PDB file of N, CA and C in Angstrom:
ATOM      1  N   MET A   1      14.272  -4.844  28.014  1.00  0.00           N
ATOM      2  CA  MET A   1      14.276  -4.003  26.851  1.00  0.00           C
ATOM      3  C   MET A   1      13.930  -2.611  27.163  1.00  0.00           C
ATOM      4  N   ASP A   2      14.642  -1.667  26.640  1.00  0.00           N
ATOM      5  CA  ASP A   2      14.493  -0.270  26.691  1.00  0.00           C
ATOM      6  C   ASP A   2      14.486   0.416  25.392  1.00  0.00           C
ATOM      7  N   CYS A   3      13.714   1.459  25.242  1.00  0.00           N
ATOM      8  CA  CYS A   3      13.788   2.356  24.064  1.00  0.00           C
ATOM      9  C   CYS A   3      14.013   3.807  24.422  1.00  0.00           C
ATOM     10  N   TRP A   4      14.764   4.421  23.575  1.00  0.00           N
ATOM     11  CA  TRP A   4      14.972   5.886  23.689  1.00  0.00           C
ATOM     12  C   TRP A   4      14.656   6.499  22.418  1.00  0.00           C
ATOM     13  N   LEU A   5      14.027   7.680  22.549  1.00  0.00           N
ATOM     14  CA  LEU A   5      13.575   8.453  21.266  1.00  0.00           C
ATOM     15  C   LEU A   5      14.073   9.855  21.530  1.00  0.00           C
ATOM     16  N   CYS A   6      14.659  10.412  20.457  1.00  0.00           N
ATOM     17  CA  CYS A   6      15.101  11.799  20.551  1.00  0.00           C
ATOM     18  C   CYS A   6      14.524  12.607  19.409  1.00  0.00           C
ATOM     19  N   GLY A   7      13.926  13.750  19.765  1.00  0.00           N
ATOM     20  CA  GLY A   7      13.348  14.543  18.659  1.00  0.00           C
ATOM     21  C   GLY A   7      12.410  15.597  19.290  1.00  0.00           C
ATOM     22  N   ASP A   8      11.470  16.061  18.573  1.00  0.00           N
ATOM     23  CA  ASP A   8      10.477  17.045  19.122  1.00  0.00           C
ATOM     24  C   ASP A   8       9.115  16.480  18.667  1.00  0.00           C
ATOM     25  N   SER A   9       8.117  17.357  18.969  1.00  0.00           N
ATOM     26  CA  SER A   9       6.762  16.860  18.672  1.00  0.00           C
ATOM     27  C   SER A   9       6.373  16.657  17.204  1.00  0.00           C
ATOM     28  N   ARG A  10       7.333  17.015  16.299  1.00  0.00           N
ATOM     29  CA  ARG A  10       7.072  16.773  14.891  1.00  0.00           C
ATOM     30  C   ARG A  10       7.796  15.537  14.397  1.00  0.00           C
ATOM     31  N   VAL A  11       8.988  15.114  14.789  1.00  0.00           N
ATOM     32  CA  VAL A  11       9.747  14.151  14.090  1.00  0.00           C
ATOM     33  C   VAL A  11      10.699  13.462  15.194  1.00  0.00           C
ATOM     34  N   ILE A  12      10.917  12.132  14.887  1.00  0.00           N
ATOM     35  CA  ILE A  12      11.796  11.323  15.651  1.00  0.00           C
ATOM     36  C   ILE A  12      13.115  11.527  14.899  1.00  0.00           C
ATOM     37  N   ARG A  13      14.162  12.092  15.597  1.00  0.00           N
ATOM     38  CA  ARG A  13      15.487  12.172  14.957  1.00  0.00           C
ATOM     39  C   ARG A  13      16.339  11.012  15.199  1.00  0.00           C
ATOM     40  N   GLU A  14      16.144  10.423  16.351  1.00  0.00           N
ATOM     41  CA  GLU A  14      17.071   9.275  16.674  1.00  0.00           C
ATOM     42  C   GLU A  14      16.162   8.232  17.548  1.00  0.00           C
ATOM     43  N   ALA A  15      16.412   6.973  17.307  1.00  0.00           N
ATOM     44  CA  ALA A  15      15.792   5.973  18.068  1.00  0.00           C
ATOM     45  C   ALA A  15      16.836   4.896  18.537  1.00  0.00           C
ATOM     46  N   ARG A  16      16.733   4.392  19.623  1.00  0.00           N
ATOM     47  CA  ARG A  16      17.701   3.406  20.116  1.00  0.00           C
ATOM     48  C   ARG A  16      16.925   2.416  20.956  1.00  0.00           C
ATOM     49  N   PHE A  17      17.323   1.154  20.933  1.00  0.00           N
ATOM     50  CA  PHE A  17      16.764   0.140  21.725  1.00  0.00           C
ATOM     51  C   PHE A  17      17.930  -0.536  22.521  1.00  0.00           C
ATOM     52  N   GLU A  18      17.779  -0.859  23.749  1.00  0.00           N
ATOM     53  CA  GLU A  18      18.632  -1.758  24.517  1.00  0.00           C
ATOM     54  C   GLU A  18      17.975  -3.079  24.654  1.00  0.00           C
ATOM     55  N   VAL A  19      18.623  -4.116  24.058  1.00  0.00           N
ATOM     56  CA  VAL A  19      17.971  -5.374  23.990  1.00  0.00           C
ATOM     57  C   VAL A  19      18.816  -6.468  24.517  1.00  0.00           C
ATOM     58  N   PHE A  20      18.221  -7.358  25.326  1.00  0.00           N
ATOM     59  CA  PHE A  20      18.844  -8.554  25.849  1.00  0.00           C
ATOM     60  C   PHE A  20      18.091  -9.645  25.299  1.00  0.00           C
ATOM     61  N   GLY A  21      18.534 -10.223  24.257  1.00  0.00           N
ATOM     62  CA  GLY A  21      17.753 -11.372  23.600  1.00  0.00           C
ATOM     63  C   GLY A  21      18.714 -11.859  22.531  1.00  0.00           C
ATOM     64  N   ASP A  22      18.143 -12.836  21.696  1.00  0.00           N
ATOM     65  CA  ASP A  22      18.858 -13.470  20.667  1.00  0.00           C
ATOM     66  C   ASP A  22      19.069 -12.436  19.393  1.00  0.00           C
ATOM     67  N   ALA A  23      19.872 -12.878  18.495  1.00  0.00           N
ATOM     68  CA  ALA A  23      20.254 -12.118  17.411  1.00  0.00           C
ATOM     69  C   ALA A  23      19.070 -11.633  16.576  1.00  0.00           C
ATOM     70  N   ASP A  24      18.183 -12.460  16.378  1.00  0.00           N
ATOM     71  CA  ASP A  24      16.931 -12.132  15.581  1.00  0.00           C
ATOM     72  C   ASP A  24      16.191 -10.981  16.314  1.00  0.00           C
ATOM     73  N   ILE A  25      16.013 -10.837  17.561  1.00  0.00           N
ATOM     74  CA  ILE A  25      15.357  -9.853  18.246  1.00  0.00           C
ATOM     75  C   ILE A  25      16.242  -8.617  18.264  1.00  0.00           C
ATOM     76  N   ILE A  26      17.451  -8.708  18.438  1.00  0.00           N
ATOM     77  CA  ILE A  26      18.348  -7.564  18.288  1.00  0.00           C
ATOM     78  C   ILE A  26      18.330  -6.985  16.998  1.00  0.00           C
ATOM     79  N   GLY A  27      18.334  -7.908  15.915  1.00  0.00           N
ATOM     80  CA  GLY A  27      18.206  -7.293  14.602  1.00  0.00           C
ATOM     81  C   GLY A  27      16.940  -6.645  14.174  1.00  0.00           C
ATOM     82  N   ALA A  28      15.775  -7.133  14.727  1.00  0.00           N
ATOM     83  CA  ALA A  28      14.514  -6.507  14.543  1.00  0.00           C
ATOM     84  C   ALA A  28      14.384  -5.183  15.247  1.00  0.00           C
ATOM     85  N   ALA A  29      14.942  -5.040  16.499  1.00  0.00           N
ATOM     86  CA  ALA A  29      15.003  -3.814  17.211  1.00  0.00           C
ATOM     87  C   ALA A  29      15.956  -2.754  16.460  1.00  0.00           C
ATOM     88  N   GLY A  30      17.024  -3.262  15.958  1.00  0.00           N
ATOM     89  CA  GLY A  30      17.894  -2.356  15.184  1.00  0.00           C
ATOM     90  C   GLY A  30      17.226  -1.862  13.930  1.00  0.00           C
ATOM     91  N   TRP A  31      16.572  -2.732  13.256  1.00  0.00           N
ATOM     92  CA  TRP A  31      15.823  -2.420  12.025  1.00  0.00           C
ATOM     93  C   TRP A  31      14.778  -1.248  12.332  1.00  0.00           C
ATOM     94  N   LEU A  32      13.937  -1.547  13.382  1.00  0.00           N
ATOM     95  CA  LEU A  32      12.913  -0.563  13.752  1.00  0.00           C
ATOM     96  C   LEU A  32      13.580   0.806  14.170  1.00  0.00           C
ATOM     97  N   ALA A  33      14.578   0.792  14.883  1.00  0.00           N
ATOM     98  CA  ALA A  33      15.233   2.039  15.238  1.00  0.00           C
ATOM     99  C   ALA A  33      15.546   2.797  13.998  1.00  0.00           C
ATOM    100  N   GLY A  34      16.192   2.161  13.063  1.00  0.00           N
ATOM    101  CA  GLY A  34      16.418   2.942  11.738  1.00  0.00           C
ATOM    102  C   GLY A  34      15.205   3.277  11.019  1.00  0.00           C
ATOM    103  N   TRP A  35      14.149   2.514  11.090  1.00  0.00           N
ATOM    104  CA  TRP A  35      12.895   2.931  10.418  1.00  0.00           C
ATOM    105  C   TRP A  35      12.131   4.050  11.085  1.00  0.00           C
ATOM    106  N   LEU A  36      12.381   4.122  12.380  1.00  0.00           N
ATOM    107  CA  LEU A  36      11.619   5.210  13.118  1.00  0.00           C
ATOM    108  C   LEU A  36      12.115   6.615  12.803  1.00  0.00           C
ATOM    109  N   GLU A  37      13.536   6.668  12.536  1.00  0.00           N
ATOM    110  CA  GLU A  37      14.161   7.911  12.363  1.00  0.00           C
ATOM    111  C   GLU A  37      13.587   8.755  11.195  1.00  0.00           C
ATOM    112  N   GLY A  38      13.178   9.879  11.461  1.00  0.00           N
ATOM    113  CA  GLY A  38      12.594  10.654  10.495  1.00  0.00           C
ATOM    114  C   GLY A  38      11.063  10.626  10.309  1.00  0.00           C
ATOM    115  N   ARG A  39      10.555   9.735  11.055  1.00  0.00           N
ATOM    116  CA  ARG A  39       9.063   9.651  11.023  1.00  0.00           C
ATOM    117  C   ARG A  39       8.483  10.385  12.156  1.00  0.00           C
ATOM    118  N   THR A  40       7.217  10.669  12.028  1.00  0.00           N
ATOM    119  CA  THR A  40       6.445  11.260  13.160  1.00  0.00           C
ATOM    120  C   THR A  40       6.009  10.395  14.329  1.00  0.00           C
ATOM    121  N   PRO A  41       5.788  10.887  15.421  1.00  0.00           N
ATOM    122  CA  PRO A  41       5.333  10.108  16.601  1.00  0.00           C
ATOM    123  C   PRO A  41       4.001   9.425  16.088  1.00  0.00           C
ATOM    124  N   ALA A  42       3.155  10.157  15.478  1.00  0.00           N
ATOM    125  CA  ALA A  42       1.960   9.552  15.086  1.00  0.00           C
ATOM    126  C   ALA A  42       2.049   8.285  14.244  1.00  0.00           C
ATOM    127  N   VAL A  43       3.122   8.360  13.331  1.00  0.00           N
ATOM    128  CA  VAL A  43       3.298   7.130  12.504  1.00  0.00           C
ATOM    129  C   VAL A  43       4.004   6.043  13.386  1.00  0.00           C
ATOM    130  N   ALA A  44       4.778   6.358  14.274  1.00  0.00           N
ATOM    131  CA  ALA A  44       5.399   5.411  15.276  1.00  0.00           C
ATOM    132  C   ALA A  44       4.310   4.802  16.023  1.00  0.00           C
ATOM    133  N   ARG A  45       3.251   5.386  16.402  1.00  0.00           N
ATOM    134  CA  ARG A  45       2.156   4.720  17.129  1.00  0.00           C
ATOM    135  C   ARG A  45       1.460   3.770  16.430  1.00  0.00           C
ATOM    136  N   THR A  46       1.567   3.725  14.973  1.00  0.00           N
ATOM    137  CA  THR A  46       0.840   2.654  14.208  1.00  0.00           C
ATOM    138  C   THR A  46       1.688   1.317  14.209  1.00  0.00           C
ATOM    139  N   VAL A  47       2.874   1.323  14.680  1.00  0.00           N
ATOM    140  CA  VAL A  47       3.691   0.092  14.700  1.00  0.00           C
ATOM    141  C   VAL A  47       3.163  -0.942  15.705  1.00  0.00           C
ATOM    142  N   THR A  48       3.052  -2.186  15.266  1.00  0.00           N
ATOM    143  CA  THR A  48       2.669  -3.287  16.257  1.00  0.00           C
ATOM    144  C   THR A  48       3.677  -4.345  16.068  1.00  0.00           C
ATOM    145  N   GLY A  49       3.727  -5.140  17.164  1.00  0.00           N
ATOM    146  CA  GLY A  49       4.583  -6.274  17.125  1.00  0.00           C
ATOM    147  C   GLY A  49       4.487  -7.223  15.956  1.00  0.00           C
ATOM    148  N   ARG A  50       3.139  -7.391  15.705  1.00  0.00           N
ATOM    149  CA  ARG A  50       2.821  -8.317  14.530  1.00  0.00           C
ATOM    150  C   ARG A  50       3.382  -7.729  13.208  1.00  0.00           C
ATOM    151  N   TRP A  51       3.193  -6.415  13.037  1.00  0.00           N
ATOM    152  CA  TRP A  51       3.785  -5.780  11.788  1.00  0.00           C
ATOM    153  C   TRP A  51       5.215  -5.997  11.763  1.00  0.00           C
ATOM    154  N   LEU A  52       5.843  -5.664  12.888  1.00  0.00           N
ATOM    155  CA  LEU A  52       7.331  -5.743  12.993  1.00  0.00           C
ATOM    156  C   LEU A  52       7.866  -7.183  12.738  1.00  0.00           C
ATOM    157  N   ALA A  53       7.121  -8.142  13.302  1.00  0.00           N
ATOM    158  CA  ALA A  53       7.533  -9.586  13.150  1.00  0.00           C
ATOM    159  C   ALA A  53       7.366  -9.962  11.641  1.00  0.00           C
ATOM    160  N   GLU A  54       6.334  -9.523  11.032  1.00  0.00           N
ATOM    161  CA  GLU A  54       6.139  -9.847   9.578  1.00  0.00           C
ATOM    162  C   GLU A  54       7.121  -9.114   8.705  1.00  0.00           C
ATOM    163  N   THR A  55       7.305  -7.887   8.958  1.00  0.00           N
ATOM    164  CA  THR A  55       8.218  -7.088   8.073  1.00  0.00           C
ATOM    165  C   THR A  55       9.622  -7.391   8.205  1.00  0.00           C
ATOM    166  N   THR A  56      10.062  -7.905   9.360  1.00  0.00           N
ATOM    167  CA  THR A  56      11.443  -8.367   9.502  1.00  0.00           C
ATOM    168  C   THR A  56      11.721  -9.850   9.400  1.00  0.00           C
ATOM    169  N   GLY A  57      10.615 -10.578   9.101  1.00  0.00           N
ATOM    170  CA  GLY A  57      10.673 -12.007   8.930  1.00  0.00           C
ATOM    171  C   GLY A  57      11.087 -12.807  10.094  1.00  0.00           C
ATOM    172  N   LEU A  58      10.638 -12.398  11.244  1.00  0.00           N
ATOM    173  CA  LEU A  58      10.872 -13.019  12.604  1.00  0.00           C
ATOM    174  C   LEU A  58      10.175 -14.515  12.540  1.00  0.00           C
ATOM    175  N   ALA A  59      10.928 -15.471  13.024  1.00  0.00           N
ATOM    176  CA  ALA A  59      10.232 -16.841  13.108  1.00  0.00           C
ATOM    177  C   ALA A  59       9.225 -16.740  14.118  1.00  0.00           C
ATOM    178  N   ASP A  60       8.282 -17.641  14.037  1.00  0.00           N
ATOM    179  CA  ASP A  60       7.032 -17.676  14.895  1.00  0.00           C
ATOM    180  C   ASP A  60       7.530 -17.676  16.324  1.00  0.00           C
ATOM    181  N   GLU A  61       8.487 -18.464  16.689  1.00  0.00           N
ATOM    182  CA  GLU A  61       9.030 -18.637  18.103  1.00  0.00           C
ATOM    183  C   GLU A  61       9.675 -17.292  18.629  1.00  0.00           C
ATOM    184  N   ALA A  62       9.947 -16.480  17.833  1.00  0.00           N
ATOM    185  CA  ALA A  62      10.598 -15.112  18.164  1.00  0.00           C
ATOM    186  C   ALA A  62       9.577 -13.946  18.156  1.00  0.00           C
ATOM    187  N   ARG A  63       8.376 -14.190  17.948  1.00  0.00           N
ATOM    188  CA  ARG A  63       7.394 -13.124  17.792  1.00  0.00           C
ATOM    189  C   ARG A  63       7.045 -12.552  19.147  1.00  0.00           C
ATOM    190  N   THR A  64       7.105 -13.170  20.232  1.00  0.00           N
ATOM    191  CA  THR A  64       7.025 -12.482  21.541  1.00  0.00           C
ATOM    192  C   THR A  64       8.109 -11.465  21.742  1.00  0.00           C
ATOM    193  N   GLY A  65       9.262 -11.627  21.244  1.00  0.00           N
ATOM    194  CA  GLY A  65      10.223 -10.488  21.305  1.00  0.00           C
ATOM    195  C   GLY A  65       9.791  -9.208  20.513  1.00  0.00           C
ATOM    196  N   ALA A  66       9.053  -9.392  19.350  1.00  0.00           N
ATOM    197  CA  ALA A  66       8.513  -8.207  18.700  1.00  0.00           C
ATOM    198  C   ALA A  66       7.436  -7.505  19.503  1.00  0.00           C
ATOM    199  N   LEU A  67       6.740  -8.257  20.304  1.00  0.00           N
ATOM    200  CA  LEU A  67       5.834  -7.552  21.195  1.00  0.00           C
ATOM    201  C   LEU A  67       6.496  -6.765  22.363  1.00  0.00           C
ATOM    202  N   THR A  68       7.574  -7.352  22.748  1.00  0.00           N
ATOM    203  CA  THR A  68       8.376  -6.655  23.681  1.00  0.00           C
ATOM    204  C   THR A  68       9.044  -5.373  23.231  1.00  0.00           C
ATOM    205  N   ILE A  69       9.488  -5.407  21.942  1.00  0.00           N
ATOM    206  CA  ILE A  69      10.019  -4.223  21.288  1.00  0.00           C
ATOM    207  C   ILE A  69       8.878  -3.165  21.239  1.00  0.00           C
ATOM    208  N   GLU A  70       7.650  -3.650  20.711  1.00  0.00           N
ATOM    209  CA  GLU A  70       6.528  -2.730  20.621  1.00  0.00           C
ATOM    210  C   GLU A  70       6.272  -2.068  21.953  1.00  0.00           C
ATOM    211  N   ASP A  71       6.227  -2.784  23.090  1.00  0.00           N
ATOM    212  CA  ASP A  71       5.964  -2.285  24.364  1.00  0.00           C
ATOM    213  C   ASP A  71       7.000  -1.218  24.795  1.00  0.00           C
ATOM    214  N   ALA A  72       8.287  -1.554  24.481  1.00  0.00           N
ATOM    215  CA  ALA A  72       9.302  -0.540  24.844  1.00  0.00           C
ATOM    216  C   ALA A  72       9.200   0.806  24.084  1.00  0.00           C
ATOM    217  N   MET A  73       8.881   0.681  22.896  1.00  0.00           N
ATOM    218  CA  MET A  73       8.614   1.778  21.956  1.00  0.00           C
ATOM    219  C   MET A  73       7.555   2.572  22.489  1.00  0.00           C
ATOM    220  N   ARG A  74       6.428   1.990  22.718  1.00  0.00           N
ATOM    221  CA  ARG A  74       5.163   2.630  23.223  1.00  0.00           C
ATOM    222  C   ARG A  74       5.505   3.329  24.574  1.00  0.00           C
ATOM    223  N   SER A  75       6.256   2.762  25.549  1.00  0.00           N
ATOM    224  CA  SER A  75       6.657   3.361  26.720  1.00  0.00           C
ATOM    225  C   SER A  75       7.358   4.630  26.456  1.00  0.00           C
ATOM    226  N   ALA A  76       8.283   4.537  25.566  1.00  0.00           N
ATOM    227  CA  ALA A  76       9.186   5.787  25.236  1.00  0.00           C
ATOM    228  C   ALA A  76       8.250   6.900  24.640  1.00  0.00           C
ATOM    229  N   LEU A  77       7.229   6.493  23.869  1.00  0.00           N
ATOM    230  CA  LEU A  77       6.281   7.376  23.254  1.00  0.00           C
ATOM    231  C   LEU A  77       5.401   8.145  24.278  1.00  0.00           C
ATOM    232  N   THR A  78       5.142   7.440  25.363  1.00  0.00           N
ATOM    233  CA  THR A  78       4.151   8.134  26.424  1.00  0.00           C
ATOM    234  C   THR A  78       4.890   9.336  27.109  1.00  0.00           C
ATOM    235  N   ALA A  79       6.204   9.394  26.937  1.00  0.00           N
ATOM    236  CA  ALA A  79       6.968  10.555  27.462  1.00  0.00           C
ATOM    237  C   ALA A  79       7.307  11.625  26.376  1.00  0.00           C
ATOM    238  N   TRP A  80       6.768  11.311  25.223  1.00  0.00           N
ATOM    239  CA  TRP A  80       7.128  12.165  24.043  1.00  0.00           C
ATOM    240  C   TRP A  80       6.630  13.617  24.245  1.00  0.00           C
ATOM    241  N   PRO A  81       7.425  14.758  23.820  1.00  0.00           N
ATOM    242  CA  PRO A  81       6.976  16.005  24.057  1.00  0.00           C
ATOM    243  C   PRO A  81       5.554  16.234  23.272  1.00  0.00           C
ATOM    244  N   HIS A  82       4.771  17.090  23.873  1.00  0.00           N
ATOM    245  CA  HIS A  82       3.569  17.430  23.339  1.00  0.00           C
ATOM    246  C   HIS A  82       3.633  18.710  22.464  1.00  0.00           C
ATOM    247  N   GLU A  83       4.579  19.663  22.586  1.00  0.00           N
ATOM    248  CA  GLU A  83       4.592  20.758  21.967  1.00  0.00           C
ATOM    249  C   GLU A  83       6.056  20.960  21.525  1.00  0.00           C
ATOM    250  N   ALA A  84       6.013  21.556  20.228  1.00  0.00           N
ATOM    251  CA  ALA A  84       7.361  21.802  19.688  1.00  0.00           C
ATOM    252  C   ALA A  84       7.954  23.030  20.378  1.00  0.00           C
ATOM    253  N   ASN A  85       9.101  22.835  20.888  1.00  0.00           N
ATOM    254  CA  ASN A  85       9.826  24.046  21.488  1.00  0.00           C
ATOM    255  C   ASN A  85      11.195  24.301  21.011  1.00  0.00           C
ATOM    256  N   GLY A  86      11.508  23.492  20.086  1.00  0.00           N
ATOM    257  CA  GLY A  86      12.840  23.613  19.530  1.00  0.00           C
ATOM    258  C   GLY A  86      13.897  22.939  20.176  1.00  0.00           C
ATOM    259  N   ALA A  87      13.566  22.344  21.301  1.00  0.00           N
ATOM    260  CA  ALA A  87      14.643  21.716  22.173  1.00  0.00           C
ATOM    261  C   ALA A  87      14.879  20.137  21.714  1.00  0.00           C
ATOM    262  N   SER A  88      15.936  19.703  21.970  1.00  0.00           N
ATOM    263  CA  SER A  88      16.330  18.429  21.723  1.00  0.00           C
ATOM    264  C   SER A  88      15.965  17.595  22.950  1.00  0.00           C
ATOM    265  N   ASP A  89      14.877  16.864  23.086  1.00  0.00           N
ATOM    266  CA  ASP A  89      14.624  16.142  24.338  1.00  0.00           C
ATOM    267  C   ASP A  89      14.696  14.590  24.014  1.00  0.00           C
ATOM    268  N   GLU A  90      15.457  14.056  25.025  1.00  0.00           N
ATOM    269  CA  GLU A  90      15.570  12.557  24.922  1.00  0.00           C
ATOM    270  C   GLU A  90      14.685  11.856  25.869  1.00  0.00           C
ATOM    271  N   HIS A  91      14.037  10.844  25.548  1.00  0.00           N
ATOM    272  CA  HIS A  91      13.041  10.049  26.299  1.00  0.00           C
ATOM    273  C   HIS A  91      13.425   8.546  26.219  1.00  0.00           C
TER     274      HIS A  91
END
């Protein structure tokens, strides 16, 4: 699982996930990608796998996939730009 975020230090303009999993996990990652767009990196950092699983209605047996989605998103956030420079940076 991979996550890419595009934006600046103020806002996530685009989010994408590359998922190899079942349809439920792909759907949850797609939902989260749409939810992240327009939000701040600080708000994105509040996302947890548990919240994602509950919000998207993932079955109990699919909840480990939500943790993997969270991990991929957090990995992308570690490379997030720290200062607004007007550039479009993809991570």
